[in-house]
PDB file of N, CA and C in Angstrom:
ATOM      1  N   MET A   1     -91.431 -11.212  33.927  1.00  0.00           N
ATOM      2  CA  MET A   1     -91.193 -11.940  32.831  1.00  0.00           C
ATOM      3  C   MET A   1     -90.006 -11.211  31.315  1.00  0.00           C
ATOM      4  N   LEU A   2     -90.800 -10.082  31.284  1.00  0.00           N
ATOM      5  CA  LEU A   2     -90.582  -9.502  30.066  1.00  0.00           C
ATOM      6  C   LEU A   2     -89.488  -8.188  30.809  1.00  0.00           C
ATOM      7  N   ILE A   3     -89.058  -7.998  31.523  1.00  0.00           N
ATOM      8  CA  ILE A   3     -87.447  -7.795  31.976  1.00  0.00           C
ATOM      9  C   ILE A   3     -86.799  -8.753  32.110  1.00  0.00           C
ATOM     10  N   TYR A   4     -86.938  -9.596  32.462  1.00  0.00           N
ATOM     11  CA  TYR A   4     -86.055 -10.646  32.713  1.00  0.00           C
ATOM     12  C   TYR A   4     -85.722 -11.248  31.121  1.00  0.00           C
ATOM     13  N   HIS A   5     -86.330 -10.951  30.242  1.00  0.00           N
ATOM     14  CA  HIS A   5     -85.861 -11.422  29.046  1.00  0.00           C
ATOM     15  C   HIS A   5     -85.294 -10.696  28.353  1.00  0.00           C
ATOM     16  N   PHE A   6     -85.499  -8.944  28.391  1.00  0.00           N
ATOM     17  CA  PHE A   6     -84.801  -8.155  28.200  1.00  0.00           C
ATOM     18  C   PHE A   6     -83.552  -8.216  28.794  1.00  0.00           C
ATOM     19  N   THR A   7     -83.193  -8.342  29.864  1.00  0.00           N
ATOM     20  CA  THR A   7     -82.165  -8.467  30.664  1.00  0.00           C
ATOM     21  C   THR A   7     -81.121 -10.003  30.139  1.00  0.00           C
ATOM     22  N   LYS A   8     -81.733 -10.878  29.383  1.00  0.00           N
ATOM     23  CA  LYS A   8     -81.015 -11.886  28.904  1.00  0.00           C
ATOM     24  C   LYS A   8     -80.504 -11.656  27.507  1.00  0.00           C
ATOM     25  N   ARG A   9     -81.579 -11.096  27.115  1.00  0.00           N
ATOM     26  CA  ARG A   9     -80.709 -10.781  25.612  1.00  0.00           C
ATOM     27  C   ARG A   9     -79.875  -9.818  25.477  1.00  0.00           C
ATOM     28  N   ARG A  10     -79.768  -8.631  26.620  1.00  0.00           N
ATOM     29  CA  ARG A  10     -78.538  -7.616  26.841  1.00  0.00           C
ATOM     30  C   ARG A  10     -77.713  -8.216  26.918  1.00  0.00           C
ATOM     31  N   LYS A  11     -77.889  -9.307  28.069  1.00  0.00           N
ATOM     32  CA  LYS A  11     -76.222 -10.582  28.702  1.00  0.00           C
ATOM     33  C   LYS A  11     -75.950 -11.025  27.730  1.00  0.00           C
ATOM     34  N   VAL A  12     -76.063 -11.649  26.661  1.00  0.00           N
ATOM     35  CA  VAL A  12     -76.567 -12.474  25.496  1.00  0.00           C
ATOM     36  C   VAL A  12     -75.814 -11.697  24.443  1.00  0.00           C
ATOM     37  N   LYS A  13     -75.941 -10.025  24.552  1.00  0.00           N
ATOM     38  CA  LYS A  13     -75.296  -8.846  23.400  1.00  0.00           C
ATOM     39  C   LYS A  13     -74.142  -8.774  23.770  1.00  0.00           C
ATOM     40  N   ASP A  14     -73.816  -8.737  25.108  1.00  0.00           N
ATOM     41  CA  ASP A  14     -72.329  -8.413  25.921  1.00  0.00           C
ATOM     42  C   ASP A  14     -71.540  -9.446  25.858  1.00  0.00           C
ATOM     43  N   LYS A  15     -71.763 -10.470  25.746  1.00  0.00           N
ATOM     44  CA  LYS A  15     -71.327 -11.842  25.635  1.00  0.00           C
ATOM     45  C   LYS A  15     -70.666 -11.972  24.456  1.00  0.00           C
ATOM     46  N   ARG A  16     -71.405 -11.418  23.182  1.00  0.00           N
ATOM     47  CA  ARG A  16     -70.881 -11.705  22.069  1.00  0.00           C
ATOM     48  C   ARG A  16     -70.251 -10.506  21.684  1.00  0.00           C
ATOM     49  N   LYS A  17     -70.040  -9.231  22.084  1.00  0.00           N
ATOM     50  CA  LYS A  17     -69.510  -8.211  22.178  1.00  0.00           C
ATOM     51  C   LYS A  17     -68.141  -8.601  22.584  1.00  0.00           C
ATOM     52  N   ASN A  18     -68.312  -9.010  23.791  1.00  0.00           N
ATOM     53  CA  ASN A  18     -67.077  -9.543  24.328  1.00  0.00           C
ATOM     54  C   ASN A  18     -65.971 -10.232  23.580  1.00  0.00           C
ATOM     55  N   ILE A  19     -66.527 -11.980  22.968  1.00  0.00           N
ATOM     56  CA  ILE A  19     -66.259 -12.545  22.011  1.00  0.00           C
ATOM     57  C   ILE A  19     -65.796 -12.136  21.325  1.00  0.00           C
ATOM     58  N   GLU A  20     -66.794 -10.840  20.300  1.00  0.00           N
ATOM     59  CA  GLU A  20     -65.692 -10.555  19.180  1.00  0.00           C
ATOM     60  C   GLU A  20     -64.558  -9.728  19.641  1.00  0.00           C
ATOM     61  N   ASN A  21     -64.185  -8.944  20.798  1.00  0.00           N
ATOM     62  CA  ASN A  21     -63.307  -8.324  21.326  1.00  0.00           C
ATOM     63  C   ASN A  21     -62.307  -8.979  21.326  1.00  0.00           C
ATOM     64  N   GLN A  22     -62.409  -9.916  21.922  1.00  0.00           N
ATOM     65  CA  GLN A  22     -61.384 -11.383  22.227  1.00  0.00           C
ATOM     66  C   GLN A  22     -60.605 -11.711  21.158  1.00  0.00           C
ATOM     67  N   PHE A  23     -61.780 -12.246  20.118  1.00  0.00           N
ATOM     68  CA  PHE A  23     -61.621 -12.685  18.697  1.00  0.00           C
ATOM     69  C   PHE A  23     -60.440 -11.862  18.100  1.00  0.00           C
ATOM     70  N   ASN A  24     -60.691 -10.209  17.791  1.00  0.00           N
ATOM     71  CA  ASN A  24     -60.298  -9.493  17.093  1.00  0.00           C
ATOM     72  C   ASN A  24     -58.856  -9.470  17.857  1.00  0.00           C
ATOM     73  N   GLU A  25     -58.570  -9.198  19.156  1.00  0.00           N
ATOM     74  CA  GLU A  25     -56.999  -9.108  19.691  1.00  0.00           C
ATOM     75  C   GLU A  25     -56.568 -10.520  19.455  1.00  0.00           C
ATOM     76  N   LYS A  26     -56.918 -11.370  19.701  1.00  0.00           N
ATOM     77  CA  LYS A  26     -56.097 -12.424  19.226  1.00  0.00           C
ATOM     78  C   LYS A  26     -55.859 -12.415  17.688  1.00  0.00           C
ATOM     79  N   ARG A  27     -56.673 -12.536  16.481  1.00  0.00           N
ATOM     80  CA  ARG A  27     -56.480 -11.852  15.146  1.00  0.00           C
ATOM     81  C   ARG A  27     -55.142 -11.006  15.633  1.00  0.00           C
ATOM     82  N   THR A  28     -55.130  -9.924  16.215  1.00  0.00           N
ATOM     83  CA  THR A  28     -54.377  -9.335  15.955  1.00  0.00           C
ATOM     84  C   THR A  28     -52.762  -9.645  16.225  1.00  0.00           C
ATOM     85  N   ALA A  29     -52.844 -10.078  17.424  1.00  0.00           N
ATOM     86  CA  ALA A  29     -51.476 -10.668  18.344  1.00  0.00           C
ATOM     87  C   ALA A  29     -51.175 -11.647  17.376  1.00  0.00           C
ATOM     88  N   GLY A  30     -52.273 -12.648  16.520  1.00  0.00           N
ATOM     89  CA  GLY A  30     -51.429 -13.426  15.877  1.00  0.00           C
ATOM     90  C   GLY A  30     -50.800 -12.956  13.955  1.00  0.00           C
ATOM     91  N   THR A  31     -51.537 -12.159  14.055  1.00  0.00           N
ATOM     92  CA  THR A  31     -51.256 -11.699  13.101  1.00  0.00           C
ATOM     93  C   THR A  31     -49.425 -10.927  13.232  1.00  0.00           C
ATOM     94  N   GLU A  32     -49.088  -9.880  14.220  1.00  0.00           N
ATOM     95  CA  GLU A  32     -48.065 -10.125  14.899  1.00  0.00           C
ATOM     96  C   GLU A  32     -47.227 -10.803  14.953  1.00  0.00           C
ATOM     97  N   ILE A  33     -47.270 -11.620  15.248  1.00  0.00           N
ATOM     98  CA  ILE A  33     -46.556 -13.267  16.085  1.00  0.00           C
ATOM     99  C   ILE A  33     -45.816 -13.374  14.343  1.00  0.00           C
ATOM    100  N   MET A  34     -47.057 -13.450  13.326  1.00  0.00           N
ATOM    101  CA  MET A  34     -46.564 -14.237  12.209  1.00  0.00           C
ATOM    102  C   MET A  34     -45.806 -13.322  11.257  1.00  0.00           C
ATOM    103  N   ARG A  35     -46.065 -11.831  11.643  1.00  0.00           N
ATOM    104  CA  ARG A  35     -44.589 -11.084  11.073  1.00  0.00           C
ATOM    105  C   ARG A  35     -43.556 -11.219  11.493  1.00  0.00           C
ATOM    106  N   ALA A  36     -43.475 -11.410  13.079  1.00  0.00           N
ATOM    107  CA  ALA A  36     -42.414 -10.908  13.585  1.00  0.00           C
ATOM    108  C   ALA A  36     -41.744 -12.968  13.223  1.00  0.00           C
ATOM    109  N   VAL A  37     -42.139 -13.586  13.314  1.00  0.00           N
ATOM    110  CA  VAL A  37     -41.558 -15.283  12.395  1.00  0.00           C
ATOM    111  C   VAL A  37     -41.469 -14.867  10.779  1.00  0.00           C
ATOM    112  N   LEU A  38     -41.827 -14.471  10.206  1.00  0.00           N
ATOM    113  CA  LEU A  38     -41.270 -14.104   8.704  1.00  0.00           C
ATOM    114  C   LEU A  38     -40.173 -13.166   8.644  1.00  0.00           C
ATOM    115  N   ALA A  39     -39.890 -12.122   9.650  1.00  0.00           N
ATOM    116  CA  ALA A  39     -38.898 -11.223   9.600  1.00  0.00           C
ATOM    117  C   ALA A  39     -37.744 -12.069   9.763  1.00  0.00           C
ATOM    118  N   GLU A  40     -37.892 -13.114  11.102  1.00  0.00           N
ATOM    119  CA  GLU A  40     -36.824 -13.980  11.734  1.00  0.00           C
ATOM    120  C   GLU A  40     -36.293 -14.900  10.679  1.00  0.00           C
ATOM    121  N   VAL A  41     -37.343 -15.133   9.603  1.00  0.00           N
ATOM    122  CA  VAL A  41     -37.189 -16.411   8.539  1.00  0.00           C
ATOM    123  C   VAL A  41     -36.211 -15.874   7.770  1.00  0.00           C
ATOM    124  N   VAL A  42     -36.425 -13.957   7.108  1.00  0.00           N
ATOM    125  CA  VAL A  42     -35.815 -13.328   6.299  1.00  0.00           C
ATOM    126  C   VAL A  42     -34.439 -13.093   6.691  1.00  0.00           C
ATOM    127  N   ASP A  43     -34.527 -12.693   8.007  1.00  0.00           N
ATOM    128  CA  ASP A  43     -32.993 -12.666   8.434  1.00  0.00           C
ATOM    129  C   ASP A  43     -32.075 -14.180   8.459  1.00  0.00           C
ATOM    130  N   PHE A  44     -32.923 -15.376   8.676  1.00  0.00           N
ATOM    131  CA  PHE A  44     -31.780 -15.985   8.965  1.00  0.00           C
ATOM    132  C   PHE A  44     -31.576 -16.948   7.490  1.00  0.00           C
ATOM    133  N   ARG A  45     -32.279 -16.696   6.492  1.00  0.00           N
ATOM    134  CA  ARG A  45     -32.323 -17.078   5.121  1.00  0.00           C
ATOM    135  C   ARG A  45     -31.210 -16.028   4.229  1.00  0.00           C
ATOM    136  N   ALA A  46     -30.973 -14.852   5.063  1.00  0.00           N
ATOM    137  CA  ALA A  46     -29.494 -13.389   4.470  1.00  0.00           C
ATOM    138  C   ALA A  46     -28.236 -14.521   5.385  1.00  0.00           C
ATOM    139  N   GLU A  47     -28.532 -14.516   6.359  1.00  0.00           N
ATOM    140  CA  GLU A  47     -27.383 -15.407   7.179  1.00  0.00           C
ATOM    141  C   GLU A  47     -26.927 -16.744   6.769  1.00  0.00           C
ATOM    142  N   PHE A  48     -28.093 -17.090   6.452  1.00  0.00           N
ATOM    143  CA  PHE A  48     -26.939 -18.507   6.079  1.00  0.00           C
ATOM    144  C   PHE A  48     -26.884 -18.628   4.464  1.00  0.00           C
ATOM    145  N   GLU A  49     -27.392 -17.690   3.695  1.00  0.00           N
ATOM    146  CA  GLU A  49     -27.098 -17.297   2.201  1.00  0.00           C
ATOM    147  C   GLU A  49     -24.810 -17.015   2.593  1.00  0.00           C
ATOM    148  N   GLU A  50     -25.146 -16.100   3.281  1.00  0.00           N
ATOM    149  CA  GLU A  50     -23.692 -15.573   3.686  1.00  0.00           C
ATOM    150  C   GLU A  50     -22.715 -16.453   3.930  1.00  0.00           C
ATOM    151  N   LYS A  51     -22.872 -17.700   5.221  1.00  0.00           N
ATOM    152  CA  LYS A  51     -22.222 -18.240   5.705  1.00  0.00           C
ATOM    153  C   LYS A  51     -22.291 -19.701   4.776  1.00  0.00           C
ATOM    154  N   ASP A  52     -22.976 -19.635   3.595  1.00  0.00           N
ATOM    155  CA  ASP A  52     -22.815 -20.996   3.043  1.00  0.00           C
ATOM    156  C   ASP A  52     -22.171 -20.797   1.352  1.00  0.00           C
ATOM    157  N   SER A  53     -21.419 -19.224   1.457  1.00  0.00           N
ATOM    158  CA  SER A  53     -20.710 -18.785   0.349  1.00  0.00           C
ATOM    159  C   SER A  53     -19.630 -19.131   0.850  1.00  0.00           C
ATOM    160  N   GLU A  54     -19.298 -18.951   2.463  1.00  0.00           N
ATOM    161  CA  GLU A  54     -17.821 -19.460   2.757  1.00  0.00           C
ATOM    162  C   GLU A  54     -17.469 -20.751   2.626  1.00  0.00           C
ATOM    163  N   SER A  55     -18.730 -21.680   2.530  1.00  0.00           N
ATOM    164  CA  SER A  55     -18.207 -23.251   2.248  1.00  0.00           C
ATOM    165  C   SER A  55     -17.299 -23.157   1.110  1.00  0.00           C
ATOM    166  N   GLN A  56     -17.146 -22.592  -0.110  1.00  0.00           N
ATOM    167  CA  GLN A  56     -16.287 -22.828  -1.447  1.00  0.00           C
ATOM    168  C   GLN A  56     -15.152 -23.138  -0.813  1.00  0.00           C
ATOM    169  N   LYS A  57     -15.135 -21.671   0.089  1.00  0.00           N
ATOM    170  CA  LYS A  57     -13.408 -21.849   0.760  1.00  0.00           C
ATOM    171  C   LYS A  57     -12.962 -23.407   1.265  1.00  0.00           C
ATOM    172  N   VAL A  58     -13.563 -24.220   2.027  1.00  0.00           N
ATOM    173  CA  VAL A  58     -13.490 -24.892   2.356  1.00  0.00           C
ATOM    174  C   VAL A  58     -13.092 -26.275   1.456  1.00  0.00           C
ATOM    175  N   ILE A  59     -13.855 -26.226   0.540  1.00  0.00           N
ATOM    176  CA  ILE A  59     -13.929 -26.902  -0.313  1.00  0.00           C
ATOM    177  C   ILE A  59     -12.668 -26.407  -1.776  1.00  0.00           C
ATOM    178  N   ASP A  60     -12.264 -25.762  -1.702  1.00  0.00           N
ATOM    179  CA  ASP A  60     -10.852 -25.223  -2.640  1.00  0.00           C
ATOM    180  C   ASP A  60      -9.685 -25.757  -1.480  1.00  0.00           C
ATOM    181  N   PHE A  61      -9.424 -25.599  -0.446  1.00  0.00           N
ATOM    182  CA  PHE A  61      -8.772 -25.922   0.979  1.00  0.00           C
ATOM    183  C   PHE A  61      -8.723 -27.499   0.626  1.00  0.00           C
ATOM    184  N   LEU A  62      -9.853 -28.005   0.738  1.00  0.00           N
ATOM    185  CA  LEU A  62      -9.420 -29.689   0.573  1.00  0.00           C
ATOM    186  C   LEU A  62      -9.416 -30.380  -0.603  1.00  0.00           C
ATOM    187  N   GLU A  63      -9.801 -29.732  -1.697  1.00  0.00           N
ATOM    188  CA  GLU A  63      -9.072 -29.989  -3.089  1.00  0.00           C
ATOM    189  C   GLU A  63      -7.660 -29.418  -3.450  1.00  0.00           C
ATOM    190  N   GLN A  64      -6.905 -28.745  -2.540  1.00  0.00           N
ATOM    191  CA  GLN A  64      -5.218 -28.559  -2.717  1.00  0.00           C
ATOM    192  C   GLN A  64      -5.026 -29.750  -1.451  1.00  0.00           C
ATOM    193  N   LEU A  65      -5.422 -30.187  -0.697  1.00  0.00           N
ATOM    194  CA  LEU A  65      -4.631 -31.148  -0.013  1.00  0.00           C
ATOM    195  C   LEU A  65      -4.244 -32.527  -0.990  1.00  0.00           C
ATOM    196  N   SER A  66      -3.121 -32.981  -0.814  1.00  0.00           N
ATOM    197  CA  SER A  66      -2.868 -34.185  -1.313  1.00  0.00           C
ATOM    198  C   SER A  66      -2.817 -35.159  -0.412  1.00  0.00           C
ATOM    199  N   PRO A  67      -2.747 -36.675  -1.209  1.00  0.00           N
ATOM    200  CA  PRO A  67      -3.053 -37.676  -0.226  1.00  0.00           C
ATOM    201  C   PRO A  67      -1.391 -37.644   1.043  1.00  0.00           C
ATOM    202  N   ASP A  68      -0.708 -37.159   0.917  1.00  0.00           N
ATOM    203  CA  ASP A  68       0.661 -37.733   1.567  1.00  0.00           C
ATOM    204  C   ASP A  68       0.864 -36.283   2.524  1.00  0.00           C
ATOM    205  N   GLN A  69      -0.222 -35.742   2.529  1.00  0.00           N
ATOM    206  CA  GLN A  69      -1.296 -34.357   3.504  1.00  0.00           C
ATOM    207  C   GLN A  69      -1.555 -35.387   4.625  1.00  0.00           C
ATOM    208  N   TYR A  70      -2.036 -36.318   4.484  1.00  0.00           N
ATOM    209  CA  TYR A  70      -3.060 -36.181   5.513  1.00  0.00           C
ATOM    210  C   TYR A  70      -2.567 -37.031   6.436  1.00  0.00           C
ATOM    211  N   VAL A  71      -3.083 -36.750   7.653  1.00  0.00           N
ATOM    212  CA  VAL A  71      -2.008 -36.937   9.165  1.00  0.00           C
ATOM    213  C   VAL A  71      -3.285 -37.806   9.533  1.00  0.00           C
ATOM    214  N   ARG A  72      -2.540 -38.878  10.374  1.00  0.00           N
ATOM    215  CA  ARG A  72      -3.674 -39.478  11.555  1.00  0.00           C
ATOM    216  C   ARG A  72      -2.900 -39.896  12.416  1.00  0.00           C
ATOM    217  N   LYS A  73      -3.786 -39.385  13.761  1.00  0.00           N
ATOM    218  CA  LYS A  73      -3.034 -39.951  14.902  1.00  0.00           C
ATOM    219  C   LYS A  73      -3.380 -41.226  15.498  1.00  0.00           C
ATOM    220  N   MET A  74      -2.665 -42.575  15.928  1.00  0.00           N
ATOM    221  CA  MET A  74      -3.365 -43.440  16.145  1.00  0.00           C
ATOM    222  C   MET A  74      -3.202 -43.278  17.660  1.00  0.00           C
ATOM    223  N   SER A  75      -3.633 -44.096  18.675  1.00  0.00           N
ATOM    224  CA  SER A  75      -3.755 -43.826  19.972  1.00  0.00           C
ATOM    225  C   SER A  75      -2.315 -45.119  20.913  1.00  0.00           C
ATOM    226  N   ASP A  76      -1.810 -46.221  19.801  1.00  0.00           N
ATOM    227  CA  ASP A  76      -1.148 -46.821  20.744  1.00  0.00           C
ATOM    228  C   ASP A  76       0.746 -46.268  20.228  1.00  0.00           C
ATOM    229  N   SER A  77       0.401 -45.164  19.110  1.00  0.00           N
ATOM    230  CA  SER A  77       1.627 -44.490  18.580  1.00  0.00           C
ATOM    231  C   SER A  77       1.875 -43.320  18.401  1.00  0.00           C
ATOM    232  N   THR A  78       2.979 -42.984  18.217  1.00  0.00           N
ATOM    233  CA  THR A  78       2.742 -41.596  18.055  1.00  0.00           C
ATOM    234  C   THR A  78       1.962 -40.639  16.894  1.00  0.00           C
ATOM    235  N   ARG A  79       3.178 -40.144  15.679  1.00  0.00           N
ATOM    236  CA  ARG A  79       1.995 -39.675  14.579  1.00  0.00           C
ATOM    237  C   ARG A  79       2.493 -40.343  13.172  1.00  0.00           C
ATOM    238  N   ARG A  80       1.311 -40.846  12.885  1.00  0.00           N
ATOM    239  CA  ARG A  80       1.651 -41.161  10.742  1.00  0.00           C
ATOM    240  C   ARG A  80       1.301 -40.810   9.885  1.00  0.00           C
ATOM    241  N   ILE A  81       2.202 -40.707   8.959  1.00  0.00           N
ATOM    242  CA  ILE A  81       1.376 -39.881   7.401  1.00  0.00           C
ATOM    243  C   ILE A  81       1.101 -40.999   6.892  1.00  0.00           C
ATOM    244  N   LYS A  82      -0.254 -41.040   6.197  1.00  0.00           N
ATOM    245  CA  LYS A  82      -0.597 -41.771   5.350  1.00  0.00           C
ATOM    246  C   LYS A  82      -0.293 -41.164   3.845  1.00  0.00           C
ATOM    247  N   VAL A  83       0.340 -42.457   3.110  1.00  0.00           N
ATOM    248  CA  VAL A  83       0.933 -42.026   2.152  1.00  0.00           C
ATOM    249  C   VAL A  83      -0.417 -42.651   0.596  1.00  0.00           C
ATOM    250  N   ALA A  84      -0.791 -42.327   0.011  1.00  0.00           N
ATOM    251  CA  ALA A  84      -1.632 -43.477  -0.805  1.00  0.00           C
ATOM    252  C   ALA A  84      -0.289 -43.755  -1.914  1.00  0.00           C
ATOM    253  N   GLN A  85      -0.676 -44.921  -2.607  1.00  0.00           N
ATOM    254  CA  GLN A  85       0.444 -45.465  -3.284  1.00  0.00           C
ATOM    255  C   GLN A  85      -0.153 -45.813  -4.504  1.00  0.00           C
TER     256      GLN A  85
END
């Protein structure tokens, strides 16, 4: 009975140690994943900022258009130029 008790106690200790090791491995892996995700977010923000700065070119182009430059394609006709009155 005494041997059985110590054997079971040792198995419980081994299982606890195994669970602690698994937890530490998952924590390490999770930390690495979080760092990778945050690095991707930083890269995305930098690229988004770069592309967003180009939007001013589009706004400037659209502001330079006058109403007589708008061209509309009708399905039943050729081309029509829309002129604001």
